[in-house]
Each structure stands twice: as structure tokens, then as C-alpha cells.
Amino acid sequence: MKALVTAHIFGGANHRTAYGIAKMFLMRNGRKLRINDFNAACPFISHIGTETIEDIQEWIEHGTSQEP
């Protein structure tokens, strides 16, 4: 997710694409995101470039991120 968002692969929709790919990857591996709505996920994803891998993992597993 972080790489897709920060690489700016597309002219637009990097955040939505990263979210969709993460959901699909997890689903194919028997897991799921706790946040099922992109609009609810957007605040976290919009700042994902500054998040640590541990924060992203926490968000994927629990729908929350660690506070600084």
C-alpha cells in the first residue's frame, strides 16, 4: 500500500488503487481489512507515506493506528 501511494504510479487514484489492491491481496490470502469503506479508510491512507510499516500493519489488522 505504502509503495503504491508514495510512488504516484497513476496521475490520480493512487490511494484508491492501493486500498483496492490491499483488500484483494488480503482476501485472496484468507484475511480482510477491518475498514471496509474507502471513505472511512481515506484519512489513514492519505497520510500512509509517513506511516511506519508497523503502523500500517496495525491499521490493517485492527482498523486503528498506533498513537505517537
PDB file of N, CA and C in Angstrom:
ATOM      1  N   MET A   1       0.833  -1.178   0.000  1.00  0.00           N
ATOM      2  CA  MET A   1       0.000   0.000   0.000  1.00  0.00           C
ATOM      3  C   MET A   1       0.880   1.244   0.000  1.00  0.00           C
ATOM      4  N   LYS A   2       1.832   1.256   0.902  1.00  0.00           N
ATOM      5  CA  LYS A   2       2.687   2.439   1.034  1.00  0.00           C
ATOM      6  C   LYS A   2       3.426   2.723  -0.272  1.00  0.00           C
ATOM      7  N   ALA A   3       3.974   1.695  -0.896  1.00  0.00           N
ATOM      8  CA  ALA A   3       4.722   1.881  -2.137  1.00  0.00           C
ATOM      9  C   ALA A   3       3.828   2.404  -3.258  1.00  0.00           C
ATOM     10  N   LEU A   4       2.628   1.880  -3.378  1.00  0.00           N
ATOM     11  CA  LEU A   4       1.719   2.356  -4.423  1.00  0.00           C
ATOM     12  C   LEU A   4       1.327   3.809  -4.216  1.00  0.00           C
ATOM     13  N   VAL A   5       1.061   4.171  -2.977  1.00  0.00           N
ATOM     14  CA  VAL A   5       0.638   5.545  -2.688  1.00  0.00           C
ATOM     15  C   VAL A   5       1.790   6.519  -2.902  1.00  0.00           C
ATOM     16  N   THR A   6       2.964   6.178  -2.420  1.00  0.00           N
ATOM     17  CA  THR A   6       4.079   7.124  -2.478  1.00  0.00           C
ATOM     18  C   THR A   6       4.774   7.160  -3.836  1.00  0.00           C
ATOM     19  N   ALA A   7       4.648   6.109  -4.635  1.00  0.00           N
ATOM     20  CA  ALA A   7       5.297   6.088  -5.953  1.00  0.00           C
ATOM     21  C   ALA A   7       4.553   6.940  -6.974  1.00  0.00           C
ATOM     22  N   HIS A   8       3.310   7.266  -6.719  1.00  0.00           N
ATOM     23  CA  HIS A   8       2.488   8.064  -7.647  1.00  0.00           C
ATOM     24  C   HIS A   8       2.504   7.445  -9.048  1.00  0.00           C
ATOM     25  N   ILE A   9       2.216   6.173  -9.087  1.00  0.00           N
ATOM     26  CA  ILE A   9       2.230   5.428 -10.346  1.00  0.00           C
ATOM     27  C   ILE A   9       1.216   5.987 -11.331  1.00  0.00           C
ATOM     28  N   PHE A  10       0.063   6.380 -10.835  1.00  0.00           N
ATOM     29  CA  PHE A  10      -1.008   6.895 -11.684  1.00  0.00           C
ATOM     30  C   PHE A  10      -1.124   8.405 -11.498  1.00  0.00           C
ATOM     31  N   GLY A  11      -1.705   9.076 -12.493  1.00  0.00           N
ATOM     32  CA  GLY A  11      -1.927  10.515 -12.385  1.00  0.00           C
ATOM     33  C   GLY A  11      -2.921  10.851 -11.286  1.00  0.00           C
ATOM     34  N   GLY A  12      -3.785   9.943 -10.980  1.00  0.00           N
ATOM     35  CA  GLY A  12      -4.766  10.085  -9.910  1.00  0.00           C
ATOM     36  C   GLY A  12      -5.170   8.705  -9.446  1.00  0.00           C
ATOM     37  N   ALA A  13      -5.857   8.617  -8.371  1.00  0.00           N
ATOM     38  CA  ALA A  13      -6.403   7.356  -7.843  1.00  0.00           C
ATOM     39  C   ALA A  13      -5.372   6.445  -7.208  1.00  0.00           C
ATOM     40  N   ASN A  14      -4.189   6.933  -6.844  1.00  0.00           N
ATOM     41  CA  ASN A  14      -3.186   6.092  -6.195  1.00  0.00           C
ATOM     42  C   ASN A  14      -3.702   5.536  -4.870  1.00  0.00           C
ATOM     43  N   HIS A  15      -4.398   6.357  -4.098  1.00  0.00           N
ATOM     44  CA  HIS A  15      -4.902   5.921  -2.796  1.00  0.00           C
ATOM     45  C   HIS A  15      -5.988   4.859  -2.951  1.00  0.00           C
ATOM     46  N   ARG A  16      -6.917   5.101  -3.867  1.00  0.00           N
ATOM     47  CA  ARG A  16      -7.991   4.120  -4.095  1.00  0.00           C
ATOM     48  C   ARG A  16      -7.433   2.811  -4.644  1.00  0.00           C
ATOM     49  N   THR A  17      -6.455   2.895  -5.532  1.00  0.00           N
ATOM     50  CA  THR A  17      -5.850   1.695  -6.089  1.00  0.00           C
ATOM     51  C   THR A  17      -5.125   0.903  -5.009  1.00  0.00           C
ATOM     52  N   ALA A  18      -4.353   1.576  -4.173  1.00  0.00           N
ATOM     53  CA  ALA A  18      -3.629   0.903  -3.090  1.00  0.00           C
ATOM     54  C   ALA A  18      -4.605   0.222  -2.137  1.00  0.00           C
ATOM     55  N   TYR A  19      -5.696   0.897  -1.811  1.00  0.00           N
ATOM     56  CA  TYR A  19      -6.712   0.331  -0.927  1.00  0.00           C
ATOM     57  C   TYR A  19      -7.333  -0.912  -1.563  1.00  0.00           C
ATOM     58  N   GLY A  20      -7.710  -0.812  -2.839  1.00  0.00           N
ATOM     59  CA  GLY A  20      -8.330  -1.936  -3.532  1.00  0.00           C
ATOM     60  C   GLY A  20      -7.397  -3.125  -3.666  1.00  0.00           C
ATOM     61  N   ILE A  21      -6.152  -2.878  -3.982  1.00  0.00           N
ATOM     62  CA  ILE A  21      -5.181  -3.962  -4.115  1.00  0.00           C
ATOM     63  C   ILE A  21      -4.927  -4.619  -2.762  1.00  0.00           C
ATOM     64  N   ALA A  22      -4.828  -3.822  -1.712  1.00  0.00           N
ATOM     65  CA  ALA A  22      -4.625  -4.382  -0.370  1.00  0.00           C
ATOM     66  C   ALA A  22      -5.811  -5.265   0.017  1.00  0.00           C
ATOM     67  N   LYS A  23      -7.041  -4.797  -0.252  1.00  0.00           N
ATOM     68  CA  LYS A  23      -8.224  -5.605   0.054  1.00  0.00           C
ATOM     69  C   LYS A  23      -8.199  -6.914  -0.720  1.00  0.00           C
ATOM     70  N   MET A  24      -7.868  -6.849  -2.015  1.00  0.00           N
ATOM     71  CA  MET A  24      -7.844  -8.043  -2.841  1.00  0.00           C
ATOM     72  C   MET A  24      -6.744  -9.010  -2.376  1.00  0.00           C
ATOM     73  N   PHE A  25      -5.567  -8.496  -2.086  1.00  0.00           N
ATOM     74  CA  PHE A  25      -4.465  -9.334  -1.621  1.00  0.00           C
ATOM     75  C   PHE A  25      -4.844 -10.059  -0.332  1.00  0.00           C
ATOM     76  N   LEU A  26      -5.390  -9.312   0.612  1.00  0.00           N
ATOM     77  CA  LEU A  26      -5.779  -9.925   1.882  1.00  0.00           C
ATOM     78  C   LEU A  26      -6.882 -10.964   1.691  1.00  0.00           C
ATOM     79  N   MET A  27      -7.866 -10.639   0.864  1.00  0.00           N
ATOM     80  CA  MET A  27      -8.969 -11.552   0.613  1.00  0.00           C
ATOM     81  C   MET A  27      -8.459 -12.862   0.004  1.00  0.00           C
ATOM     82  N   ARG A  28      -7.555 -12.765  -0.944  1.00  0.00           N
ATOM     83  CA  ARG A  28      -7.002 -13.973  -1.579  1.00  0.00           C
ATOM     84  C   ARG A  28      -6.166 -14.800  -0.615  1.00  0.00           C
ATOM     85  N   ASN A  29      -5.765 -14.197   0.491  1.00  0.00           N
ATOM     86  CA  ASN A  29      -4.966 -14.902   1.490  1.00  0.00           C
ATOM     87  C   ASN A  29      -5.758 -15.176   2.765  1.00  0.00           C
ATOM     88  N   GLY A  30      -7.089 -15.157   2.645  1.00  0.00           N
ATOM     89  CA  GLY A  30      -7.953 -15.522   3.754  1.00  0.00           C
ATOM     90  C   GLY A  30      -8.036 -14.492   4.866  1.00  0.00           C
ATOM     91  N   ARG A  31      -7.693 -13.251   4.585  1.00  0.00           N
ATOM     92  CA  ARG A  31      -7.743 -12.180   5.581  1.00  0.00           C
ATOM     93  C   ARG A  31      -8.615 -11.053   5.039  1.00  0.00           C
ATOM     94  N   LYS A  32      -8.837 -10.033   5.849  1.00  0.00           N
ATOM     95  CA  LYS A  32      -9.595  -8.883   5.363  1.00  0.00           C
ATOM     96  C   LYS A  32      -9.200  -7.629   6.125  1.00  0.00           C
ATOM     97  N   LEU A  33      -9.449  -6.507   5.499  1.00  0.00           N
ATOM     98  CA  LEU A  33      -9.248  -5.221   6.159  1.00  0.00           C
ATOM     99  C   LEU A  33     -10.373  -5.003   7.154  1.00  0.00           C
ATOM    100  N   ARG A  34     -10.086  -4.400   8.271  1.00  0.00           N
ATOM    101  CA  ARG A  34     -11.126  -4.086   9.255  1.00  0.00           C
ATOM    102  C   ARG A  34     -11.970  -2.905   8.781  1.00  0.00           C
ATOM    103  N   ILE A  35     -11.383  -2.038   7.972  1.00  0.00           N
ATOM    104  CA  ILE A  35     -12.099  -0.880   7.432  1.00  0.00           C
ATOM    105  C   ILE A  35     -12.553  -1.250   6.018  1.00  0.00           C
ATOM    106  N   ASN A  36     -13.858  -1.455   5.838  1.00  0.00           N
ATOM    107  CA  ASN A  36     -14.376  -1.909   4.550  1.00  0.00           C
ATOM    108  C   ASN A  36     -14.812  -0.791   3.621  1.00  0.00           C
ATOM    109  N   ASP A  37     -14.849   0.427   4.096  1.00  0.00           N
ATOM    110  CA  ASP A  37     -15.315   1.554   3.302  1.00  0.00           C
ATOM    111  C   ASP A  37     -14.142   2.480   3.003  1.00  0.00           C
ATOM    112  N   PHE A  38     -13.903   2.762   1.719  1.00  0.00           N
ATOM    113  CA  PHE A  38     -12.771   3.620   1.357  1.00  0.00           C
ATOM    114  C   PHE A  38     -12.863   4.986   2.023  1.00  0.00           C
ATOM    115  N   ASN A  39     -14.049   5.548   2.106  1.00  0.00           N
ATOM    116  CA  ASN A  39     -14.189   6.875   2.726  1.00  0.00           C
ATOM    117  C   ASN A  39     -13.756   6.861   4.187  1.00  0.00           C
ATOM    118  N   ALA A  40     -13.999   5.766   4.881  1.00  0.00           N
ATOM    119  CA  ALA A  40     -13.541   5.639   6.263  1.00  0.00           C
ATOM    120  C   ALA A  40     -12.037   5.408   6.320  1.00  0.00           C
ATOM    121  N   ALA A  41     -11.486   4.759   5.307  1.00  0.00           N
ATOM    122  CA  ALA A  41     -10.053   4.463   5.259  1.00  0.00           C
ATOM    123  C   ALA A  41      -9.232   5.649   4.772  1.00  0.00           C
ATOM    124  N   CYS A  42      -9.844   6.547   4.048  1.00  0.00           N
ATOM    125  CA  CYS A  42      -9.136   7.650   3.394  1.00  0.00           C
ATOM    126  C   CYS A  42      -8.262   8.487   4.335  1.00  0.00           C
ATOM    127  N   PRO A  43      -8.719   8.859   5.532  1.00  0.00           N
ATOM    128  CA  PRO A  43      -7.848   9.658   6.400  1.00  0.00           C
ATOM    129  C   PRO A  43      -6.511   8.982   6.714  1.00  0.00           C
ATOM    130  N   PHE A  44      -6.535   7.675   6.929  1.00  0.00           N
ATOM    131  CA  PHE A  44      -5.284   6.969   7.196  1.00  0.00           C
ATOM    132  C   PHE A  44      -4.458   6.840   5.926  1.00  0.00           C
ATOM    133  N   ILE A  45      -5.096   6.421   4.837  1.00  0.00           N
ATOM    134  CA  ILE A  45      -4.373   6.193   3.587  1.00  0.00           C
ATOM    135  C   ILE A  45      -3.764   7.480   3.045  1.00  0.00           C
ATOM    136  N   SER A  46      -4.430   8.607   3.246  1.00  0.00           N
ATOM    137  CA  SER A  46      -3.901   9.863   2.715  1.00  0.00           C
ATOM    138  C   SER A  46      -2.584  10.266   3.369  1.00  0.00           C
ATOM    139  N   HIS A  47      -2.286   9.712   4.545  1.00  0.00           N
ATOM    140  CA  HIS A  47      -1.024  10.003   5.231  1.00  0.00           C
ATOM    141  C   HIS A  47      -0.124   8.772   5.339  1.00  0.00           C
ATOM    142  N   ILE A  48      -0.416   7.759   4.539  1.00  0.00           N
ATOM    143  CA  ILE A  48       0.303   6.492   4.658  1.00  0.00           C
ATOM    144  C   ILE A  48       1.790   6.628   4.343  1.00  0.00           C
ATOM    145  N   GLY A  49       2.155   7.608   3.543  1.00  0.00           N
ATOM    146  CA  GLY A  49       3.560   7.814   3.211  1.00  0.00           C
ATOM    147  C   GLY A  49       4.425   8.128   4.411  1.00  0.00           C
ATOM    148  N   THR A  50       3.827   8.657   5.466  1.00  0.00           N
ATOM    149  CA  THR A  50       4.588   8.992   6.678  1.00  0.00           C
ATOM    150  C   THR A  50       4.443   7.933   7.763  1.00  0.00           C
ATOM    151  N   GLU A  51       3.635   6.911   7.507  1.00  0.00           N
ATOM    152  CA  GLU A  51       3.409   5.854   8.497  1.00  0.00           C
ATOM    153  C   GLU A  51       4.515   4.806   8.432  1.00  0.00           C
ATOM    154  N   THR A  52       4.787   4.179   9.551  1.00  0.00           N
ATOM    155  CA  THR A  52       5.733   3.066   9.580  1.00  0.00           C
ATOM    156  C   THR A  52       5.024   1.793   9.127  1.00  0.00           C
ATOM    157  N   ILE A  53       5.802   0.800   8.774  1.00  0.00           N
ATOM    158  CA  ILE A  53       5.228  -0.486   8.388  1.00  0.00           C
ATOM    159  C   ILE A  53       4.423  -1.059   9.554  1.00  0.00           C
ATOM    160  N   GLU A  54       4.905  -0.859  10.774  1.00  0.00           N
ATOM    161  CA  GLU A  54       4.185  -1.344  11.956  1.00  0.00           C
ATOM    162  C   GLU A  54       2.837  -0.652  12.111  1.00  0.00           C
ATOM    163  N   ASP A  55       2.779   0.652  11.831  1.00  0.00           N
ATOM    164  CA  ASP A  55       1.506   1.378  11.898  1.00  0.00           C
ATOM    165  C   ASP A  55       0.533   0.883  10.838  1.00  0.00           C
ATOM    166  N   ILE A  56       1.045   0.611   9.641  1.00  0.00           N
ATOM    167  CA  ILE A  56       0.199   0.109   8.564  1.00  0.00           C
ATOM    168  C   ILE A  56      -0.322  -1.282   8.913  1.00  0.00           C
ATOM    169  N   GLN A  57       0.542  -2.115   9.458  1.00  0.00           N
ATOM    170  CA  GLN A  57       0.121  -3.452   9.882  1.00  0.00           C
ATOM    171  C   GLN A  57      -0.960  -3.365  10.951  1.00  0.00           C
ATOM    172  N   GLU A  58      -0.776  -2.498  11.926  1.00  0.00           N
ATOM    173  CA  GLU A  58      -1.776  -2.299  12.986  1.00  0.00           C
ATOM    174  C   GLU A  58      -3.109  -1.868  12.386  1.00  0.00           C
ATOM    175  N   TRP A  59      -3.065  -0.950  11.435  1.00  0.00           N
ATOM    176  CA  TRP A  59      -4.277  -0.442  10.806  1.00  0.00           C
ATOM    177  C   TRP A  59      -4.981  -1.555  10.025  1.00  0.00           C
ATOM    178  N   ILE A  60      -4.213  -2.354   9.285  1.00  0.00           N
ATOM    179  CA  ILE A  60      -4.809  -3.451   8.523  1.00  0.00           C
ATOM    180  C   ILE A  60      -5.460  -4.465   9.458  1.00  0.00           C
ATOM    181  N   GLU A  61      -4.770  -4.819  10.540  1.00  0.00           N
ATOM    182  CA  GLU A  61      -5.271  -5.853  11.439  1.00  0.00           C
ATOM    183  C   GLU A  61      -6.403  -5.390  12.349  1.00  0.00           C
ATOM    184  N   HIS A  62      -6.346  -4.132  12.782  1.00  0.00           N
ATOM    185  CA  HIS A  62      -7.289  -3.680  13.815  1.00  0.00           C
ATOM    186  C   HIS A  62      -8.129  -2.466  13.421  1.00  0.00           C
ATOM    187  N   GLY A  63      -7.809  -1.843  12.290  1.00  0.00           N
ATOM    188  CA  GLY A  63      -8.551  -0.670  11.871  1.00  0.00           C
ATOM    189  C   GLY A  63      -8.151   0.590  12.616  1.00  0.00           C
ATOM    190  N   THR A  64      -7.051   0.518  13.332  1.00  0.00           N
ATOM    191  CA  THR A  64      -6.540   1.671  14.071  1.00  0.00           C
ATOM    192  C   THR A  64      -5.045   1.758  13.847  1.00  0.00           C
ATOM    193  N   SER A  65      -4.481   2.909  14.149  1.00  0.00           N
ATOM    194  CA  SER A  65      -3.033   3.046  14.081  1.00  0.00           C
ATOM    195  C   SER A  65      -2.525   3.414  15.464  1.00  0.00           C
ATOM    196  N   GLN A  66      -1.259   3.129  15.696  1.00  0.00           N
ATOM    197  CA  GLN A  66      -0.669   3.457  16.972  1.00  0.00           C
ATOM    198  C   GLN A  66      -0.521   4.966  17.093  1.00  0.00           C
ATOM    199  N   GLU A  67      -0.779   5.474  18.262  1.00  0.00           N
ATOM    200  CA  GLU A  67      -0.608   6.908  18.501  1.00  0.00           C
ATOM    201  C   GLU A  67       0.860   7.196  18.745  1.00  0.00           C
ATOM    202  N   PRO A  68       1.363   8.354  18.303  1.00  0.00           N
ATOM    203  CA  PRO A  68       2.777   8.690  18.535  1.00  0.00           C
ATOM    204  C   PRO A  68       3.105   8.825  19.999  1.00  0.00           C
TER     205      PRO A  68
END
